[in-house]
Each structure stands twice: as structure tokens, then as C-alpha cells.
Protein backbone atom coordinates (compact mmCIF):
# COMPACT_ATOMS: atom_id res chain seq x y z
CA UNK A 1 107.36 52.26 1.08
CA UNK A 2 105.19 53.76 -1.71
CA UNK A 3 105.44 57.53 -0.18
CA UNK A 4 105.78 59.43 -2.98
CA UNK A 5 103.70 57.15 -5.31
CA UNK A 6 100.88 58.85 -7.18
CA UNK A 7 96.92 58.09 -6.86
CA UNK A 8 94.85 58.10 -10.11
CA UNK A 9 93.18 61.22 -10.39
CA UNK A 10 90.17 62.16 -12.29
CA UNK A 11 90.56 65.09 -15.14
CA UNK A 12 89.22 67.84 -12.38
CA UNK A 13 92.91 66.72 -10.51
CA UNK A 14 90.84 65.06 -7.88
CA UNK A 15 91.79 61.58 -6.82
CA UNK A 16 89.41 59.58 -8.22
CA UNK A 17 87.46 57.32 -5.40
CA UNK A 18 86.99 53.95 -5.21
CA UNK A 19 83.52 53.12 -7.62
CA UNK A 20 82.72 50.06 -5.85
CA UNK A 21 82.64 51.46 -2.11
CA UNK A 22 80.86 54.18 -3.53
CA UNK A 23 78.06 52.17 -5.40
CA UNK A 24 77.57 49.69 -2.37
CA UNK A 25 77.54 52.74 -0.17
CA UNK A 26 75.08 54.24 -2.79
CA UNK A 27 73.04 51.09 -2.71
CA UNK A 28 72.54 50.84 1.41
CA UNK A 29 71.37 54.01 1.11
CA UNK A 30 68.74 53.73 -1.53
CA UNK A 31 67.39 50.51 0.00
CA UNK A 32 67.14 51.58 3.37
CA UNK A 33 65.32 55.02 2.65
CA UNK A 34 62.06 55.79 1.57
CA UNK A 35 61.69 58.51 -1.39
CA UNK A 36 65.32 58.57 -2.86
CA UNK A 37 66.03 60.40 -5.70
CA UNK A 38 69.56 61.51 -7.39
CA UNK A 39 70.80 64.34 -8.17
CA UNK A 40 74.13 64.51 -10.40
CA UNK A 41 76.38 67.39 -9.79
CA UNK A 42 79.30 68.73 -12.66
CA UNK A 43 82.68 68.32 -11.80
CA UNK A 44 84.60 71.63 -10.92
CA UNK A 45 88.10 72.79 -10.55
CA UNK A 46 88.57 71.09 -7.39
CA UNK A 47 85.99 68.23 -7.57
CA UNK A 48 84.89 65.22 -9.81
CA UNK A 49 81.11 64.60 -10.69
CA UNK A 50 79.50 63.59 -8.19
CA UNK A 51 75.79 62.03 -7.21
CA UNK A 52 74.14 62.70 -4.59
CA UNK A 53 71.00 60.36 -3.04
CA UNK A 54 68.01 62.62 -1.30
CA UNK A 55 65.67 60.61 1.03
CA UNK A 56 62.12 61.90 1.65
CA UNK A 57 62.95 63.71 5.16
CA UNK A 58 66.03 65.28 3.09
CA UNK A 59 68.83 63.21 4.31
CA UNK A 60 71.54 63.09 1.62
CA UNK A 61 74.74 61.12 1.32
CA UNK A 62 77.35 62.53 -1.81
CA UNK A 63 79.93 60.47 -3.47
CA UNK A 64 82.27 61.05 -6.39
CA UNK A 65 82.34 59.17 -9.78
CA UNK A 66 84.70 59.16 -12.48
CA UNK A 67 81.92 60.55 -15.12
CA UNK A 68 78.84 62.44 -15.03
CA UNK A 69 77.47 59.62 -17.51
CA UNK A 70 78.93 57.25 -14.96
CA UNK A 71 76.25 58.92 -12.72
CA UNK A 72 73.53 58.86 -14.76
CA UNK A 73 74.03 55.15 -14.90
CA UNK A 74 74.29 54.65 -11.52
CA UNK A 75 71.11 56.09 -10.35
CA UNK A 76 69.16 55.10 -12.52
CA UNK A 77 70.25 51.41 -11.89
CA UNK A 78 69.74 52.32 -8.45
CA UNK A 79 66.16 52.71 -9.49
CA UNK A 80 65.38 56.18 -8.01
CA UNK A 81 64.69 59.60 -10.31
CA UNK A 82 67.85 60.98 -11.44
CA UNK A 83 68.01 64.61 -11.76
CA UNK A 84 71.10 66.88 -13.18
CA UNK A 85 71.22 69.19 -10.21
CA UNK A 86 72.16 72.06 -12.85
CA UNK A 87 68.31 71.74 -14.28
CA UNK A 88 66.27 71.22 -11.35
CA UNK A 89 68.51 72.76 -7.99
CA UNK A 90 68.32 70.86 -4.80
CA UNK A 91 65.35 69.89 -3.18
CA UNK A 92 64.76 72.17 -0.06
CA UNK A 93 64.19 69.12 2.29
CA UNK A 94 67.87 68.38 2.03
CA UNK A 95 68.77 72.02 2.92
CA UNK A 96 66.07 71.69 5.62
CA UNK A 97 67.70 68.43 7.09
CA UNK A 98 71.23 69.70 6.82
CA UNK A 99 69.87 72.89 9.09
CA UNK A 100 68.32 70.99 11.54
CA UNK A 101 71.18 68.38 11.92
CA UNK A 102 73.57 71.74 12.32
CA UNK A 103 71.30 72.79 15.53
CA UNK A 104 72.35 69.47 17.59
């Protein structure tokens, strides 16, 4: 039955995401929007490393990855500029888009 079967977890304790599904989602996002950039977020005590794709209008999506290096490789393989969010911060258009979505 598998009720108590353990799922694989990252070093941060989070379940490891389905990397194929994450890659497919990110590829679709990047190919259907203009001006996409990738921002790599470091792992925390409660989350695995993540990659955030942000389009020109601020629309964004986030997916967990296994390692920080995998996030940079994924961004580069998508052919989009890839940044370390700790060094650059998030673009203001991302916050503005999120704010507009909350007002709806």
C-alpha cells in the first residue's frame, strides 16, 4: 500500500521535485514569453534550491531543483540570462506583476 513509504528528500529536507516535469514547465514558460531571465535562489533550511523565470512583463514561475549548479545549467540550457539572486536581487517588474495579480 505504501502509506509510510518515504519519498526522496533533498539535503534541505524537502521532497525532491520531479526534475523532468520542472524542466518541461520551465521550457514551456521560456518558449512562450518574451524577455525571460532566470534567477537562481539558494537552498534554505526549509526549501531546496530553486530557479525563478521572469518574463519581460514581470510574470514569473518558480521550480525546485536538486542543486544550485543544476539551476544554473538549466537556465543556460534554456538560452536565457541566468543570475544569482543573492548578487542581483529580484527585478522590480516581478514585484509589480505580483502586486497587480493580488488586486484582481
